[in-house]
Amino acid sequence: MTDPVDWSNIDPETIAQWLESTGQYKILRRIAMRDTFGGLVEHPVPVLIVDTETTGLELNSAELIEVGALLIEVDRDTGALGRLLGQYGGLEEPEQPITEESTAIHGITNDMVKGQRFDDGAFARLVKQASLCVAHNAAFDKPFLMRRFDCLSDTVWACTFKELPWTQEGYSGRKLEYLLSDCGYFHGAHRAVEDCNALAHVLAQPLKTSHRLPFQVLFESANESIYQIAALKAPFEKKDLLKNRGFRWNAEDRVWEYQALGFAEGKEIIEWLRTQVYSTTQKIMLGFRIESGTERYSGNTLKQQFKEV
């Protein structure tokens, strides 16, 4: 009988590297908080990565209960992530109790938030230093934060869920957990600061296909307007085609809508509608709502314009 192996004297990373070298295993490493992400930053831009936890999904009925934020220096030209400049994490007790369904998602209980209040000053100090705010679903996070914090009124945002071409780059999905796994990591609790740290780890790695760093793409797209295009009087039989193309049904206005990032994608969608939905070479009438600058992802209801294009 052979003697049992004394695993306590073996470096786990050595084992992980050996397993990976066989080609039979994929190893995921747990992320940890870092003082720096190791990138060379010669032209620093302070970027605030933000995440929230809420009591629900609807802005008109849910409340903000947790905010996480990491302020990181990013190179303006290369997109490399450098030092962690500051962080904030805080809880706040909502007016209505947190439901068991919500707690099951984020792990935050009513006992944890009892008597808690956000530190407005600490969060505002990070916001004022940032040139850009980034969230993995900015259309969700930004409206909740703007309703609670005055310091966000003039901020410009980028959305890593929408503005990065994850599908084209060969990732298994757009959810943060999938992206983290594709990058060789995993994390524990689904909490705001931890999710900010997870997103930072993903953004520090080059994209799979183009090998560009994600912030190179985000710095470009942050200057683009968002065009919400409404397919007016689209034929009913085209509904599946519209849905598969990424249009969403607006039940209130009874119209199919698409959010295009930038003029180039907007033009592409218009030409697709012309040929595939309206089956014409003539001009078509569409509805437009255009968000630019600090309006992006604010959740404000903008006046719709109607144009023949």
C-alpha atoms as a PDB file:
ATOM      1  CA  MET A   1       0.000   0.000   0.000  1.00  0.00           C
ATOM      2  CA  THR A   2       1.378   3.412  -0.972  1.00  0.00           C
ATOM      3  CA  ASP A   3       1.626   6.201   1.535  1.00  0.00           C
ATOM      4  CA  PRO A   4      -1.081   8.868   1.325  1.00  0.00           C
ATOM      5  CA  VAL A   5      -0.091  12.094  -0.392  1.00  0.00           C
ATOM      6  CA  ASP A   6       0.546  15.051   1.908  1.00  0.00           C
ATOM      7  CA  TRP A   7      -1.412  17.689  -0.028  1.00  0.00           C
ATOM      8  CA  SER A   8      -0.598  20.402   2.536  1.00  0.00           C
ATOM      9  CA  ASN A   9       2.910  20.771   1.080  1.00  0.00           C
ATOM     10  CA  ILE A  10       1.761  21.150  -2.527  1.00  0.00           C
ATOM     11  CA  ASP A  11       1.073  24.567  -3.992  1.00  0.00           C
ATOM     12  CA  PRO A  12      -2.521  24.615  -5.341  1.00  0.00           C
ATOM     13  CA  GLU A  13      -1.498  26.855  -8.238  1.00  0.00           C
ATOM     14  CA  THR A  14       1.091  24.302  -9.302  1.00  0.00           C
ATOM     15  CA  ILE A  15      -1.625  21.638  -9.386  1.00  0.00           C
ATOM     16  CA  ALA A  16      -3.946  23.956 -11.318  1.00  0.00           C
ATOM     17  CA  GLN A  17      -1.286  24.704 -13.926  1.00  0.00           C
ATOM     18  CA  TRP A  18      -0.468  21.006 -14.295  1.00  0.00           C
ATOM     19  CA  LEU A  19      -4.142  20.105 -14.781  1.00  0.00           C
ATOM     20  CA  GLU A  20      -4.517  22.846 -17.395  1.00  0.00           C
ATOM     21  CA  SER A  21      -1.416  21.636 -19.226  1.00  0.00           C
ATOM     22  CA  THR A  22      -3.068  18.253 -19.855  1.00  0.00           C
ATOM     23  CA  GLY A  23      -5.755  19.900 -21.982  1.00  0.00           C
ATOM     24  CA  GLN A  24      -8.422  17.915 -20.101  1.00  0.00           C
ATOM     25  CA  TYR A  25      -9.365  20.515 -17.512  1.00  0.00           C
ATOM     26  CA  LYS A  26     -10.443  24.123 -17.323  1.00  0.00           C
ATOM     27  CA  ILE A  27      -9.511  25.802 -14.053  1.00  0.00           C
ATOM     28  CA  LEU A  28     -11.444  28.745 -12.617  1.00  0.00           C
ATOM     29  CA  ARG A  29      -9.664  30.922 -10.080  1.00  0.00           C
ATOM     30  CA  ARG A  30     -11.531  32.847  -7.381  1.00  0.00           C
ATOM     31  CA  ILE A  31     -11.139  36.594  -7.774  1.00  0.00           C
ATOM     32  CA  ALA A  32      -9.941  38.756  -4.904  1.00  0.00           C
ATOM     33  CA  MET A  33      -9.860  42.485  -4.287  1.00  0.00           C
ATOM     34  CA  ARG A  34      -6.739  44.051  -5.755  1.00  0.00           C
ATOM     35  CA  ASP A  35      -4.785  47.273  -5.260  1.00  0.00           C
ATOM     36  CA  THR A  36      -3.849  47.254  -8.941  1.00  0.00           C
ATOM     37  CA  PHE A  37      -4.797  45.375 -12.090  1.00  0.00           C
ATOM     38  CA  GLY A  38      -1.219  45.578 -13.322  1.00  0.00           C
ATOM     39  CA  GLY A  39      -1.704  47.462 -16.579  1.00  0.00           C
ATOM     40  CA  LEU A  40       0.720  50.118 -17.790  1.00  0.00           C
ATOM     41  CA  VAL A  41      -1.149  53.422 -17.560  1.00  0.00           C
ATOM     42  CA  GLU A  42       0.608  56.387 -19.146  1.00  0.00           C
ATOM     43  CA  HIS A  43      -2.476  58.529 -19.823  1.00  0.00           C
ATOM     44  CA  PRO A  44      -4.782  57.842 -16.862  1.00  0.00           C
ATOM     45  CA  VAL A  45      -8.552  58.309 -17.015  1.00  0.00           C
ATOM     46  CA  PRO A  46     -10.407  57.727 -13.714  1.00  0.00           C
ATOM     47  CA  VAL A  47     -13.337  55.357 -14.342  1.00  0.00           C
ATOM     48  CA  LEU A  48     -16.011  54.448 -11.790  1.00  0.00           C
ATOM     49  CA  ILE A  49     -17.369  50.904 -12.072  1.00  0.00           C
ATOM     50  CA  VAL A  50     -20.767  50.805 -10.378  1.00  0.00           C
ATOM     51  CA  ASP A  51     -23.264  48.128  -9.378  1.00  0.00           C
ATOM     52  CA  THR A  52     -26.521  48.136  -7.433  1.00  0.00           C
ATOM     53  CA  GLU A  53     -28.835  45.759  -5.632  1.00  0.00           C
ATOM     54  CA  THR A  54     -32.533  46.597  -5.340  1.00  0.00           C
ATOM     55  CA  THR A  55     -35.751  45.208  -3.887  1.00  0.00           C
ATOM     56  CA  GLY A  56     -37.103  44.509  -7.385  1.00  0.00           C
ATOM     57  CA  LEU A  57     -36.773  45.192 -11.091  1.00  0.00           C
ATOM     58  CA  GLU A  58     -39.292  47.984 -11.656  1.00  0.00           C
ATOM     59  CA  LEU A  59     -38.071  51.539 -11.038  1.00  0.00           C
ATOM     60  CA  ASN A  60     -41.525  52.807 -10.090  1.00  0.00           C
ATOM     61  CA  SER A  61     -41.952  50.261  -7.278  1.00  0.00           C
ATOM     62  CA  ALA A  62     -38.498  48.930  -6.261  1.00  0.00           C
ATOM     63  CA  GLU A  63     -35.951  50.598  -3.970  1.00  0.00           C
ATOM     64  CA  LEU A  64     -32.167  50.798  -3.936  1.00  0.00           C
ATOM     65  CA  ILE A  65     -30.665  48.840  -1.034  1.00  0.00           C
ATOM     66  CA  GLU A  66     -26.979  48.445  -1.938  1.00  0.00           C
ATOM     67  CA  VAL A  67     -24.399  50.398  -3.926  1.00  0.00           C
ATOM     68  CA  GLY A  68     -20.918  49.260  -4.854  1.00  0.00           C
ATOM     69  CA  ALA A  69     -18.301  51.328  -6.700  1.00  0.00           C
ATOM     70  CA  LEU A  70     -14.642  50.969  -7.660  1.00  0.00           C
ATOM     71  CA  LEU A  71     -12.638  53.931  -8.971  1.00  0.00           C
ATOM     72  CA  ILE A  72      -9.873  52.617 -11.252  1.00  0.00           C
ATOM     73  CA  GLU A  73      -7.324  54.361 -13.448  1.00  0.00           C
ATOM     74  CA  VAL A  74      -7.550  53.286 -17.097  1.00  0.00           C
ATOM     75  CA  ASP A  75      -5.176  54.226 -19.905  1.00  0.00           C
ATOM     76  CA  ARG A  76      -6.911  56.546 -22.358  1.00  0.00           C
ATOM     77  CA  ASP A  77      -5.247  54.987 -25.419  1.00  0.00           C
ATOM     78  CA  THR A  78      -4.692  51.311 -24.622  1.00  0.00           C
ATOM     79  CA  GLY A  79      -7.586  50.611 -22.246  1.00  0.00           C
ATOM     80  CA  ALA A  80      -5.240  48.995 -19.708  1.00  0.00           C
ATOM     81  CA  LEU A  81      -6.428  48.956 -16.079  1.00  0.00           C
ATOM     82  CA  GLY A  82      -3.996  50.170 -13.435  1.00  0.00           C
ATOM     83  CA  ARG A  83      -4.378  51.180  -9.804  1.00  0.00           C
ATOM     84  CA  LEU A  84      -7.494  51.008  -7.684  1.00  0.00           C
ATOM     85  CA  LEU A  85      -7.982  54.636  -6.622  1.00  0.00           C
ATOM     86  CA  GLY A  86     -10.904  54.178  -4.254  1.00  0.00           C
ATOM     87  CA  GLN A  87     -13.967  52.129  -3.463  1.00  0.00           C
ATOM     88  CA  TYR A  88     -17.359  52.405  -1.800  1.00  0.00           C
ATOM     89  CA  GLY A  89     -19.855  49.846  -0.592  1.00  0.00           C
ATOM     90  CA  GLY A  90     -22.959  50.615   1.409  1.00  0.00           C
ATOM     91  CA  LEU A  91     -26.431  49.436   2.375  1.00  0.00           C
ATOM     92  CA  GLU A  92     -29.653  51.354   2.993  1.00  0.00           C
ATOM     93  CA  GLU A  93     -32.865  50.271   4.644  1.00  0.00           C
ATOM     94  CA  PRO A  94     -35.822  50.529   2.220  1.00  0.00           C
ATOM     95  CA  GLU A  95     -39.267  51.829   3.106  1.00  0.00           C
ATOM     96  CA  GLN A  96     -40.823  48.462   2.240  1.00  0.00           C
ATOM     97  CA  PRO A  97     -39.426  45.155   3.551  1.00  0.00           C
ATOM     98  CA  ILE A  98     -37.203  43.080   1.282  1.00  0.00           C
ATOM     99  CA  THR A  99     -39.075  40.038  -0.004  1.00  0.00           C
ATOM    100  CA  GLU A 100     -37.750  36.495   0.254  1.00  0.00           C
ATOM    101  CA  GLU A 101     -37.609  36.366  -3.562  1.00  0.00           C
ATOM    102  CA  SER A 102     -35.262  39.362  -3.667  1.00  0.00           C
ATOM    103  CA  THR A 103     -33.088  38.019  -0.858  1.00  0.00           C
ATOM    104  CA  ALA A 104     -32.721  34.747  -2.768  1.00  0.00           C
ATOM    105  CA  ILE A 105     -31.108  36.705  -5.623  1.00  0.00           C
ATOM    106  CA  HIS A 106     -28.680  39.006  -3.804  1.00  0.00           C
ATOM    107  CA  GLY A 107     -28.495  37.561  -0.296  1.00  0.00           C
ATOM    108  CA  ILE A 108     -29.413  40.828   1.443  1.00  0.00           C
ATOM    109  CA  THR A 109     -31.848  40.402   4.335  1.00  0.00           C
ATOM    110  CA  ASN A 110     -33.971  42.882   6.247  1.00  0.00           C
ATOM    111  CA  ASP A 111     -31.740  42.412   9.304  1.00  0.00           C
ATOM    112  CA  MET A 112     -28.669  43.401   7.268  1.00  0.00           C
ATOM    113  CA  VAL A 113     -30.145  46.738   6.152  1.00  0.00           C
ATOM    114  CA  LYS A 114     -31.932  47.646   9.373  1.00  0.00           C
ATOM    115  CA  GLY A 115     -30.916  51.176  10.369  1.00  0.00           C
ATOM    116  CA  GLN A 116     -28.427  51.465   7.491  1.00  0.00           C
ATOM    117  CA  ARG A 117     -28.005  54.595   5.315  1.00  0.00           C
ATOM    118  CA  PHE A 118     -25.776  55.262   2.333  1.00  0.00           C
ATOM    119  CA  ASP A 119     -22.809  57.555   2.913  1.00  0.00           C
ATOM    120  CA  ASP A 120     -23.723  60.199   0.326  1.00  0.00           C
ATOM    121  CA  GLY A 121     -20.499  62.116   0.799  1.00  0.00           C
ATOM    122  CA  ALA A 122     -18.207  59.118   0.309  1.00  0.00           C
ATOM    123  CA  PHE A 123     -20.018  58.050  -2.857  1.00  0.00           C
ATOM    124  CA  ALA A 124     -20.117  61.611  -4.219  1.00  0.00           C
ATOM    125  CA  ARG A 125     -16.355  62.016  -3.765  1.00  0.00           C
ATOM    126  CA  LEU A 126     -15.746  59.033  -6.045  1.00  0.00           C
ATOM    127  CA  VAL A 127     -18.290  60.234  -8.609  1.00  0.00           C
ATOM    128  CA  LYS A 128     -16.708  63.691  -8.821  1.00  0.00           C
ATOM    129  CA  GLN A 129     -13.301  62.178  -9.608  1.00  0.00           C
ATOM    130  CA  ALA A 130     -14.614  59.960 -12.404  1.00  0.00           C
ATOM    131  CA  SER A 131     -14.571  60.893 -16.087  1.00  0.00           C
ATOM    132  CA  LEU A 132     -16.851  57.967 -16.945  1.00  0.00           C
ATOM    133  CA  CYS A 133     -19.245  55.729 -15.027  1.00  0.00           C
ATOM    134  CA  VAL A 134     -19.535  52.115 -16.151  1.00  0.00           C
ATOM    135  CA  ALA A 135     -22.105  49.442 -15.260  1.00  0.00           C
ATOM    136  CA  HIS A 136     -22.916  46.037 -16.693  1.00  0.00           C
ATOM    137  CA  ASN A 137     -26.539  47.084 -17.167  1.00  0.00           C
ATOM    138  CA  ALA A 138     -26.468  50.867 -17.120  1.00  0.00           C
ATOM    139  CA  ALA A 139     -30.097  51.157 -18.244  1.00  0.00           C
ATOM    140  CA  PHE A 140     -31.046  49.487 -14.943  1.00  0.00           C
ATOM    141  CA  ASP A 141     -28.441  50.862 -12.526  1.00  0.00           C
ATOM    142  CA  LYS A 142     -28.286  54.501 -13.591  1.00  0.00           C
ATOM    143  CA  PRO A 143     -31.993  55.431 -13.092  1.00  0.00           C
ATOM    144  CA  PHE A 144     -32.021  53.901  -9.595  1.00  0.00           C
ATOM    145  CA  LEU A 145     -28.833  55.741  -8.654  1.00  0.00           C
ATOM    146  CA  MET A 146     -29.915  59.072 -10.141  1.00  0.00           C
ATOM    147  CA  ARG A 147     -33.144  58.967  -8.181  1.00  0.00           C
ATOM    148  CA  ARG A 148     -31.172  58.558  -4.948  1.00  0.00           C
ATOM    149  CA  PHE A 149     -27.973  60.609  -5.528  1.00  0.00           C
ATOM    150  CA  ASP A 150     -27.855  64.222  -6.794  1.00  0.00           C
ATOM    151  CA  CYS A 151     -24.136  63.946  -7.621  1.00  0.00           C
ATOM    152  CA  LEU A 152     -24.869  61.897 -10.781  1.00  0.00           C
ATOM    153  CA  SER A 153     -26.789  64.591 -12.666  1.00  0.00           C
ATOM    154  CA  ASP A 154     -24.004  65.412 -15.177  1.00  0.00           C
ATOM    155  CA  THR A 155     -22.296  62.027 -15.487  1.00  0.00           C
ATOM    156  CA  VAL A 156     -21.595  60.154 -18.718  1.00  0.00           C
ATOM    157  CA  TRP A 157     -22.157  56.405 -18.675  1.00  0.00           C
ATOM    158  CA  ALA A 158     -21.121  53.357 -20.668  1.00  0.00           C
ATOM    159  CA  CYS A 159     -22.782  49.941 -20.550  1.00  0.00           C
ATOM    160  CA  THR A 160     -20.579  46.863 -20.728  1.00  0.00           C
ATOM    161  CA  PHE A 161     -23.581  44.606 -21.407  1.00  0.00           C
ATOM    162  CA  LYS A 162     -24.743  46.505 -24.483  1.00  0.00           C
ATOM    163  CA  GLU A 163     -21.681  48.320 -25.828  1.00  0.00           C
ATOM    164  CA  LEU A 164     -19.187  45.459 -25.964  1.00  0.00           C
ATOM    165  CA  PRO A 165     -19.522  42.870 -28.774  1.00  0.00           C
ATOM    166  CA  TRP A 166     -19.442  39.786 -26.553  1.00  0.00           C
ATOM    167  CA  THR A 167     -21.233  37.507 -29.038  1.00  0.00           C
ATOM    168  CA  GLN A 168     -19.026  38.505 -31.970  1.00  0.00           C
ATOM    169  CA  GLU A 169     -15.948  38.036 -29.777  1.00  0.00           C
ATOM    170  CA  GLY A 170     -16.877  34.408 -29.027  1.00  0.00           C
ATOM    171  CA  TYR A 171     -18.083  34.580 -25.413  1.00  0.00           C
ATOM    172  CA  SER A 172     -20.663  32.092 -24.127  1.00  0.00           C
ATOM    173  CA  GLY A 173     -23.042  34.818 -22.967  1.00  0.00           C
ATOM    174  CA  ARG A 174     -23.397  38.425 -21.855  1.00  0.00           C
ATOM    175  CA  LYS A 175     -24.208  37.753 -18.196  1.00  0.00           C
ATOM    176  CA  LEU A 176     -21.377  38.667 -15.853  1.00  0.00           C
ATOM    177  CA  GLU A 177     -21.100  35.115 -14.536  1.00  0.00           C
ATOM    178  CA  TYR A 178     -20.586  33.753 -18.066  1.00  0.00           C
ATOM    179  CA  LEU A 179     -18.017  36.420 -18.922  1.00  0.00           C
ATOM    180  CA  LEU A 180     -16.131  35.816 -15.697  1.00  0.00           C
ATOM    181  CA  SER A 181     -16.036  32.073 -16.381  1.00  0.00           C
ATOM    182  CA  ASP A 182     -14.837  32.629 -19.950  1.00  0.00           C
ATOM    183  CA  CYS A 183     -11.988  34.703 -18.499  1.00  0.00           C
ATOM    184  CA  GLY A 184     -11.004  31.894 -16.112  1.00  0.00           C
ATOM    185  CA  TYR A 185     -12.507  33.271 -12.897  1.00  0.00           C
ATOM    186  CA  PHE A 186     -15.390  32.815 -10.482  1.00  0.00           C
ATOM    187  CA  HIS A 187     -16.605  34.795  -7.514  1.00  0.00           C
ATOM    188  CA  GLY A 188     -18.743  34.137  -4.484  1.00  0.00           C
ATOM    189  CA  ALA A 189     -21.525  36.348  -3.190  1.00  0.00           C
ATOM    190  CA  HIS A 190     -23.747  38.209  -5.652  1.00  0.00           C
ATOM    191  CA  ARG A 191     -23.159  41.573  -3.977  1.00  0.00           C
ATOM    192  CA  ALA A 192     -22.508  45.037  -5.381  1.00  0.00           C
ATOM    193  CA  VAL A 193     -18.789  45.553  -4.617  1.00  0.00           C
ATOM    194  CA  GLU A 194     -18.006  41.941  -5.530  1.00  0.00           C
ATOM    195  CA  ASP A 195     -19.784  42.364  -8.876  1.00  0.00           C
ATOM    196  CA  CYS A 196     -17.820  45.568  -9.554  1.00  0.00           C
ATOM    197  CA  ASN A 197     -14.610  43.665  -8.864  1.00  0.00           C
ATOM    198  CA  ALA A 198     -15.738  40.803 -11.120  1.00  0.00           C
ATOM    199  CA  LEU A 199     -16.473  43.224 -13.958  1.00  0.00           C
ATOM    200  CA  ALA A 200     -13.071  44.891 -13.504  1.00  0.00           C
ATOM    201  CA  HIS A 201     -11.364  41.492 -13.851  1.00  0.00           C
ATOM    202  CA  VAL A 202     -13.237  40.878 -17.110  1.00  0.00           C
ATOM    203  CA  LEU A 203     -12.447  44.350 -18.468  1.00  0.00           C
ATOM    204  CA  ALA A 204      -8.743  43.900 -17.686  1.00  0.00           C
ATOM    205  CA  GLN A 205      -8.442  41.044 -20.192  1.00  0.00           C
ATOM    206  CA  PRO A 206      -8.239  41.421 -24.010  1.00  0.00           C
ATOM    207  CA  LEU A 207     -11.311  40.432 -26.000  1.00  0.00           C
ATOM    208  CA  LYS A 208     -11.062  36.903 -27.409  1.00  0.00           C
ATOM    209  CA  THR A 209     -11.163  37.596 -31.140  1.00  0.00           C
ATOM    210  CA  SER A 210     -10.041  41.179 -31.775  1.00  0.00           C
ATOM    211  CA  HIS A 211      -7.622  41.167 -28.797  1.00  0.00           C
ATOM    212  CA  ARG A 212      -8.547  44.784 -28.082  1.00  0.00           C
ATOM    213  CA  LEU A 213      -8.929  45.707 -24.440  1.00  0.00           C
ATOM    214  CA  PRO A 214     -12.608  46.341 -23.622  1.00  0.00           C
ATOM    215  CA  PHE A 215     -12.049  49.941 -22.528  1.00  0.00           C
ATOM    216  CA  GLN A 216     -10.693  50.805 -25.969  1.00  0.00           C
ATOM    217  CA  VAL A 217     -14.180  49.975 -27.269  1.00  0.00           C
ATOM    218  CA  LEU A 218     -16.015  51.629 -24.370  1.00  0.00           C
ATOM    219  CA  PHE A 219     -14.146  54.935 -24.665  1.00  0.00           C
ATOM    220  CA  GLU A 220     -15.219  55.104 -28.315  1.00  0.00           C
ATOM    221  CA  SER A 221     -18.833  54.070 -27.775  1.00  0.00           C
ATOM    222  CA  ALA A 222     -19.349  56.406 -24.788  1.00  0.00           C
ATOM    223  CA  ASN A 223     -19.379  59.301 -27.261  1.00  0.00           C
ATOM    224  CA  GLU A 224     -22.055  57.669 -29.425  1.00  0.00           C
ATOM    225  CA  SER A 225     -25.741  58.557 -29.230  1.00  0.00           C
ATOM    226  CA  ILE A 226     -28.349  55.866 -28.597  1.00  0.00           C
ATOM    227  CA  TYR A 227     -31.139  55.745 -31.175  1.00  0.00           C
ATOM    228  CA  GLN A 228     -34.403  54.145 -30.075  1.00  0.00           C
ATOM    229  CA  ILE A 229     -36.077  53.243 -33.356  1.00  0.00           C
ATOM    230  CA  ALA A 230     -39.800  52.442 -33.506  1.00  0.00           C
ATOM    231  CA  ALA A 231     -41.072  50.341 -36.415  1.00  0.00           C
ATOM    232  CA  LEU A 232     -44.366  52.128 -37.011  1.00  0.00           C
ATOM    233  CA  LYS A 233     -47.226  49.993 -38.403  1.00  0.00           C
ATOM    234  CA  ALA A 234     -44.956  46.995 -38.890  1.00  0.00           C
ATOM    235  CA  PRO A 235     -46.888  44.091 -40.471  1.00  0.00           C
ATOM    236  CA  PHE A 236     -48.151  41.639 -37.841  1.00  0.00           C
ATOM    237  CA  GLU A 237     -46.685  38.651 -39.658  1.00  0.00           C
ATOM    238  CA  LYS A 238     -43.201  40.157 -39.200  1.00  0.00           C
ATOM    239  CA  LYS A 239     -43.332  39.995 -35.391  1.00  0.00           C
ATOM    240  CA  ASP A 240     -41.090  36.920 -35.086  1.00  0.00           C
ATOM    241  CA  LEU A 241     -38.582  38.440 -37.492  1.00  0.00           C
ATOM    242  CA  LEU A 242     -38.497  41.650 -35.453  1.00  0.00           C
ATOM    243  CA  LYS A 243     -38.135  39.769 -32.180  1.00  0.00           C
ATOM    244  CA  ASN A 244     -35.273  37.654 -33.501  1.00  0.00           C
ATOM    245  CA  ARG A 245     -33.493  40.812 -34.709  1.00  0.00           C
ATOM    246  CA  GLY A 246     -33.576  42.243 -31.180  1.00  0.00           C
ATOM    247  CA  PHE A 247     -36.699  44.444 -31.300  1.00  0.00           C
ATOM    248  CA  ARG A 248     -38.845  44.592 -28.169  1.00  0.00           C
ATOM    249  CA  TRP A 249     -42.594  45.038 -28.041  1.00  0.00           C
ATOM    250  CA  ASN A 250     -43.734  48.292 -26.381  1.00  0.00           C
ATOM    251  CA  ALA A 251     -47.201  47.318 -25.146  1.00  0.00           C
ATOM    252  CA  GLU A 252     -48.139  50.865 -24.121  1.00  0.00           C
ATOM    253  CA  ASP A 253     -47.440  52.409 -27.547  1.00  0.00           C
ATOM    254  CA  ARG A 254     -48.140  49.123 -29.386  1.00  0.00           C
ATOM    255  CA  VAL A 255     -44.982  49.305 -31.455  1.00  0.00           C
ATOM    256  CA  TRP A 256     -41.777  47.307 -31.933  1.00  0.00           C
ATOM    257  CA  GLU A 257     -38.659  49.198 -30.739  1.00  0.00           C
ATOM    258  CA  TYR A 258     -34.913  48.736 -31.088  1.00  0.00           C
ATOM    259  CA  GLN A 259     -32.035  50.537 -29.337  1.00  0.00           C
ATOM    260  CA  ALA A 260     -29.178  51.172 -31.762  1.00  0.00           C
ATOM    261  CA  LEU A 261     -25.803  52.332 -30.485  1.00  0.00           C
ATOM    262  CA  GLY A 262     -24.427  55.011 -32.764  1.00  0.00           C
ATOM    263  CA  PHE A 263     -25.258  56.258 -36.244  1.00  0.00           C
ATOM    264  CA  ALA A 264     -23.724  53.246 -38.034  1.00  0.00           C
ATOM    265  CA  GLU A 265     -25.895  50.675 -36.259  1.00  0.00           C
ATOM    266  CA  GLY A 266     -28.920  52.955 -36.592  1.00  0.00           C
ATOM    267  CA  LYS A 267     -28.429  53.158 -40.346  1.00  0.00           C
ATOM    268  CA  GLU A 268     -28.025  49.381 -40.556  1.00  0.00           C
ATOM    269  CA  ILE A 269     -31.299  48.819 -38.678  1.00  0.00           C
ATOM    270  CA  ILE A 270     -33.176  51.278 -40.895  1.00  0.00           C
ATOM    271  CA  GLU A 271     -32.017  49.502 -44.052  1.00  0.00           C
ATOM    272  CA  TRP A 272     -32.943  46.129 -42.537  1.00  0.00           C
ATOM    273  CA  LEU A 273     -36.432  47.411 -41.722  1.00  0.00           C
ATOM    274  CA  ARG A 274     -36.824  48.805 -45.218  1.00  0.00           C
ATOM    275  CA  THR A 275     -35.989  45.523 -46.978  1.00  0.00           C
ATOM    276  CA  GLN A 276     -36.970  42.803 -44.501  1.00  0.00           C
ATOM    277  CA  VAL A 277     -40.017  44.259 -42.725  1.00  0.00           C
ATOM    278  CA  TYR A 278     -41.586  46.826 -45.052  1.00  0.00           C
ATOM    279  CA  SER A 279     -40.343  45.186 -48.302  1.00  0.00           C
ATOM    280  CA  THR A 280     -39.787  48.433 -50.170  1.00  0.00           C
ATOM    281  CA  THR A 281     -37.076  50.546 -51.741  1.00  0.00           C
ATOM    282  CA  GLN A 282     -38.969  53.741 -50.931  1.00  0.00           C
ATOM    283  CA  LYS A 283     -38.773  55.922 -47.832  1.00  0.00           C
ATOM    284  CA  ILE A 284     -40.382  54.583 -44.642  1.00  0.00           C
ATOM    285  CA  MET A 285     -41.834  56.420 -41.641  1.00  0.00           C
ATOM    286  CA  LEU A 286     -40.155  55.559 -38.336  1.00  0.00           C
ATOM    287  CA  GLY A 287     -40.198  56.907 -34.796  1.00  0.00           C
ATOM    288  CA  PHE A 288     -36.976  58.033 -33.105  1.00  0.00           C
ATOM    289  CA  ARG A 289     -35.903  58.876 -29.569  1.00  0.00           C
ATOM    290  CA  ILE A 290     -32.266  59.954 -29.362  1.00  0.00           C
ATOM    291  CA  GLU A 291     -30.176  59.888 -26.166  1.00  0.00           C
ATOM    292  CA  SER A 292     -26.767  61.551 -26.166  1.00  0.00           C
ATOM    293  CA  GLY A 293     -24.206  62.707 -23.617  1.00  0.00           C
ATOM    294  CA  THR A 294     -25.507  62.659 -20.062  1.00  0.00           C
ATOM    295  CA  GLU A 295     -28.979  61.529 -21.243  1.00  0.00           C
ATOM    296  CA  ARG A 296     -27.706  58.035 -22.072  1.00  0.00           C
ATOM    297  CA  TYR A 297     -29.304  55.295 -19.935  1.00  0.00           C
ATOM    298  CA  SER A 298     -31.133  57.817 -17.738  1.00  0.00           C
ATOM    299  CA  GLY A 299     -34.519  56.159 -18.187  1.00  0.00           C
ATOM    300  CA  ASN A 300     -36.141  59.483 -19.075  1.00  0.00           C
ATOM    301  CA  THR A 301     -39.082  59.454 -21.468  1.00  0.00           C
ATOM    302  CA  LEU A 302     -37.901  61.512 -24.417  1.00  0.00           C
ATOM    303  CA  LYS A 303     -40.202  63.051 -26.963  1.00  0.00           C
ATOM    304  CA  GLN A 304     -40.552  60.860 -30.018  1.00  0.00           C
ATOM    305  CA  GLN A 305     -39.705  62.281 -33.420  1.00  0.00           C
ATOM    306  CA  PHE A 306     -41.203  60.933 -36.626  1.00  0.00           C
ATOM    307  CA  LYS A 307     -39.132  60.921 -39.802  1.00  0.00           C
ATOM    308  CA  GLU A 308     -39.269  59.578 -43.301  1.00  0.00           C
ATOM    309  CA  VAL A 309     -35.966  57.849 -44.009  1.00  0.00           C
END
